[in-house]
Amino acid sequence: MQSRGVCNQNTEYHDQIVNLVNANKRLIRQRMRQNSIKYKP
């Protein structure tokens, strides 16, 4: 996910992206756990 633009400056969508990720942290964490269990060799 990219929220940075040219010369590492914030894009116009930076705050929206950060807010979206923060609002869905629990779901993201759950999915990451599920996938890490699923793909372990």
PDB file of N, CA and C in Angstrom:
ATOM      1  N   MET A   1       0.842  -1.160   0.000  1.00  0.00           N
ATOM      2  CA  MET A   1       0.000   0.000   0.000  1.00  0.00           C
ATOM      3  C   MET A   1       0.893   1.230   0.000  1.00  0.00           C
ATOM      4  N   GLN A   2       0.588   2.147  -0.829  1.00  0.00           N
ATOM      5  CA  GLN A   2       1.440   3.328  -0.962  1.00  0.00           C
ATOM      6  C   GLN A   2       0.646   4.580  -0.616  1.00  0.00           C
ATOM      7  N   SER A   3       1.163   5.334   0.341  1.00  0.00           N
ATOM      8  CA  SER A   3       0.522   6.610   0.670  1.00  0.00           C
ATOM      9  C   SER A   3       1.502   7.765   0.514  1.00  0.00           C
ATOM     10  N   ARG A   4       2.664   7.464  -0.055  1.00  0.00           N
ATOM     11  CA  ARG A   4       3.684   8.493  -0.284  1.00  0.00           C
ATOM     12  C   ARG A   4       3.788   8.784  -1.770  1.00  0.00           C
ATOM     13  N   GLY A   5       4.147  10.014  -2.087  1.00  0.00           N
ATOM     14  CA  GLY A   5       4.258  10.411  -3.481  1.00  0.00           C
ATOM     15  C   GLY A   5       5.686  10.745  -3.848  1.00  0.00           C
ATOM     16  N   VAL A   6       5.835  11.644  -4.784  1.00  0.00           N
ATOM     17  CA  VAL A   6       7.133  12.060  -5.299  1.00  0.00           C
ATOM     18  C   VAL A   6       7.979  12.629  -4.166  1.00  0.00           C
ATOM     19  N   CYS A   7       9.251  12.264  -4.148  1.00  0.00           N
ATOM     20  CA  CYS A   7      10.203  12.747  -3.135  1.00  0.00           C
ATOM     21  C   CYS A   7       9.734  12.446  -1.718  1.00  0.00           C
ATOM     22  N   ASN A   8       9.041  11.320  -1.553  1.00  0.00           N
ATOM     23  CA  ASN A   8       8.583  10.849  -0.248  1.00  0.00           C
ATOM     24  C   ASN A   8       7.618  11.820   0.440  1.00  0.00           C
ATOM     25  N   GLN A   9       6.913  12.621  -0.340  1.00  0.00           N
ATOM     26  CA  GLN A   9       5.906  13.534   0.212  1.00  0.00           C
ATOM     27  C   GLN A   9       4.561  12.815   0.283  1.00  0.00           C
ATOM     28  N   ASN A  10       3.694  13.270   1.177  1.00  0.00           N
ATOM     29  CA  ASN A  10       2.355  12.692   1.268  1.00  0.00           C
ATOM     30  C   ASN A  10       1.576  12.970  -0.011  1.00  0.00           C
ATOM     31  N   THR A  11       0.764  12.001  -0.429  1.00  0.00           N
ATOM     32  CA  THR A  11      -0.137  12.227  -1.557  1.00  0.00           C
ATOM     33  C   THR A  11      -1.426  12.838  -1.026  1.00  0.00           C
ATOM     34  N   GLU A  12      -2.314  13.204  -1.924  1.00  0.00           N
ATOM     35  CA  GLU A  12      -3.596  13.754  -1.493  1.00  0.00           C
ATOM     36  C   GLU A  12      -4.433  12.701  -0.770  1.00  0.00           C
ATOM     37  N   TYR A  13      -4.106  11.421  -0.953  1.00  0.00           N
ATOM     38  CA  TYR A  13      -4.868  10.334  -0.338  1.00  0.00           C
ATOM     39  C   TYR A  13      -4.223   9.792   0.933  1.00  0.00           C
ATOM     40  N   HIS A  14      -3.100  10.344   1.342  1.00  0.00           N
ATOM     41  CA  HIS A  14      -2.350   9.815   2.484  1.00  0.00           C
ATOM     42  C   HIS A  14      -3.221   9.647   3.728  1.00  0.00           C
ATOM     43  N   ASP A  15      -3.911  10.694   4.124  1.00  0.00           N
ATOM     44  CA  ASP A  15      -4.722  10.631   5.345  1.00  0.00           C
ATOM     45  C   ASP A  15      -5.851   9.617   5.218  1.00  0.00           C
ATOM     46  N   GLN A  16      -6.457   9.528   4.049  1.00  0.00           N
ATOM     47  CA  GLN A  16      -7.531   8.557   3.839  1.00  0.00           C
ATOM     48  C   GLN A  16      -7.004   7.132   3.963  1.00  0.00           C
ATOM     49  N   ILE A  17      -5.846   6.862   3.389  1.00  0.00           N
ATOM     50  CA  ILE A  17      -5.251   5.528   3.448  1.00  0.00           C
ATOM     51  C   ILE A  17      -4.902   5.169   4.888  1.00  0.00           C
ATOM     52  N   VAL A  18      -4.270   6.083   5.596  1.00  0.00           N
ATOM     53  CA  VAL A  18      -3.883   5.831   6.986  1.00  0.00           C
ATOM     54  C   VAL A  18      -5.124   5.589   7.842  1.00  0.00           C
ATOM     55  N   ASN A  19      -6.158   6.393   7.662  1.00  0.00           N
ATOM     56  CA  ASN A  19      -7.393   6.213   8.431  1.00  0.00           C
ATOM     57  C   ASN A  19      -8.064   4.883   8.120  1.00  0.00           C
ATOM     58  N   LEU A  20      -8.060   4.488   6.862  1.00  0.00           N
ATOM     59  CA  LEU A  20      -8.656   3.218   6.459  1.00  0.00           C
ATOM     60  C   LEU A  20      -7.923   2.042   7.096  1.00  0.00           C
ATOM     61  N   VAL A  21      -6.604   2.077   7.062  1.00  0.00           N
ATOM     62  CA  VAL A  21      -5.807   1.009   7.672  1.00  0.00           C
ATOM     63  C   VAL A  21      -6.041   0.985   9.178  1.00  0.00           C
ATOM     64  N   ASN A  22      -6.005   2.135   9.821  1.00  0.00           N
ATOM     65  CA  ASN A  22      -6.212   2.191  11.267  1.00  0.00           C
ATOM     66  C   ASN A  22      -7.597   1.692  11.666  1.00  0.00           C
ATOM     67  N   ALA A  23      -8.606   2.002  10.881  1.00  0.00           N
ATOM     68  CA  ALA A  23      -9.970   1.577  11.183  1.00  0.00           C
ATOM     69  C   ALA A  23     -10.148   0.073  11.019  1.00  0.00           C
ATOM     70  N   ASN A  24      -9.257  -0.564  10.244  1.00  0.00           N
ATOM     71  CA  ASN A  24      -9.393  -1.998   9.963  1.00  0.00           C
ATOM     72  C   ASN A  24      -8.245  -2.824  10.523  1.00  0.00           C
ATOM     73  N   LYS A  25      -7.533  -2.282  11.504  1.00  0.00           N
ATOM     74  CA  LYS A  25      -6.365  -2.980  12.060  1.00  0.00           C
ATOM     75  C   LYS A  25      -6.700  -4.383  12.549  1.00  0.00           C
ATOM     76  N   ARG A  26      -7.813  -4.511  13.269  1.00  0.00           N
ATOM     77  CA  ARG A  26      -8.161  -5.817  13.831  1.00  0.00           C
ATOM     78  C   ARG A  26      -8.404  -6.841  12.724  1.00  0.00           C
ATOM     79  N   LEU A  27      -9.144  -6.459  11.705  1.00  0.00           N
ATOM     80  CA  LEU A  27      -9.423  -7.356  10.583  1.00  0.00           C
ATOM     81  C   LEU A  27      -8.139  -7.710   9.835  1.00  0.00           C
ATOM     82  N   ILE A  28      -7.277  -6.737   9.617  1.00  0.00           N
ATOM     83  CA  ILE A  28      -6.002  -6.981   8.935  1.00  0.00           C
ATOM     84  C   ILE A  28      -5.171  -7.974   9.731  1.00  0.00           C
ATOM     85  N   ARG A  29      -5.114  -7.769  11.061  1.00  0.00           N
ATOM     86  CA  ARG A  29      -4.347  -8.662  11.928  1.00  0.00           C
ATOM     87  C   ARG A  29      -4.900 -10.091  11.872  1.00  0.00           C
ATOM     88  N   GLN A  30      -6.240 -10.220  11.901  1.00  0.00           N
ATOM     89  CA  GLN A  30      -6.869 -11.542  11.824  1.00  0.00           C
ATOM     90  C   GLN A  30      -6.503 -12.241  10.520  1.00  0.00           C
ATOM     91  N   ARG A  31      -6.603 -11.520   9.417  1.00  0.00           N
ATOM     92  CA  ARG A  31      -6.297 -12.115   8.112  1.00  0.00           C
ATOM     93  C   ARG A  31      -4.826 -12.503   8.009  1.00  0.00           C
ATOM     94  N   MET A  32      -3.953 -11.690   8.580  1.00  0.00           N
ATOM     95  CA  MET A  32      -2.526 -12.009   8.538  1.00  0.00           C
ATOM     96  C   MET A  32      -2.252 -13.282   9.336  1.00  0.00           C
ATOM     97  N   ARG A  33      -2.913 -13.422  10.488  1.00  0.00           N
ATOM     98  CA  ARG A  33      -2.738 -14.646  11.283  1.00  0.00           C
ATOM     99  C   ARG A  33      -3.248 -15.860  10.527  1.00  0.00           C
ATOM    100  N   GLN A  34      -4.429 -15.747   9.925  1.00  0.00           N
ATOM    101  CA  GLN A  34      -5.001 -16.858   9.166  1.00  0.00           C
ATOM    102  C   GLN A  34      -4.067 -17.274   8.039  1.00  0.00           C
ATOM    103  N   ASN A  35      -3.539 -16.312   7.328  1.00  0.00           N
ATOM    104  CA  ASN A  35      -2.668 -16.615   6.197  1.00  0.00           C
ATOM    105  C   ASN A  35      -1.332 -17.170   6.645  1.00  0.00           C
ATOM    106  N   SER A  36      -0.815 -16.729   7.785  1.00  0.00           N
ATOM    107  CA  SER A  36       0.478 -17.244   8.237  1.00  0.00           C
ATOM    108  C   SER A  36       0.343 -18.699   8.661  1.00  0.00           C
ATOM    109  N   ILE A  37      -0.795 -19.074   9.224  1.00  0.00           N
ATOM    110  CA  ILE A  37      -1.022 -20.468   9.609  1.00  0.00           C
ATOM    111  C   ILE A  37      -1.204 -21.317   8.356  1.00  0.00           C
ATOM    112  N   LYS A  38      -1.954 -20.804   7.393  1.00  0.00           N
ATOM    113  CA  LYS A  38      -2.279 -21.529   6.173  1.00  0.00           C
ATOM    114  C   LYS A  38      -1.040 -21.831   5.340  1.00  0.00           C
ATOM    115  N   TYR A  39      -0.069 -20.927   5.302  1.00  0.00           N
ATOM    116  CA  TYR A  39       1.056 -21.061   4.386  1.00  0.00           C
ATOM    117  C   TYR A  39       2.355 -21.518   5.035  1.00  0.00           C
ATOM    118  N   LYS A  40       2.316 -21.921   6.310  1.00  0.00           N
ATOM    119  CA  LYS A  40       3.557 -22.411   6.921  1.00  0.00           C
ATOM    120  C   LYS A  40       3.916 -23.764   6.324  1.00  0.00           C
ATOM    121  N   PRO A  41       5.193 -23.966   5.988  1.00  0.00           N
ATOM    122  CA  PRO A  41       5.611 -25.251   5.396  1.00  0.00           C
ATOM    123  C   PRO A  41       5.594 -26.382   6.395  1.00  0.00           C
TER     124      PRO A  41
END
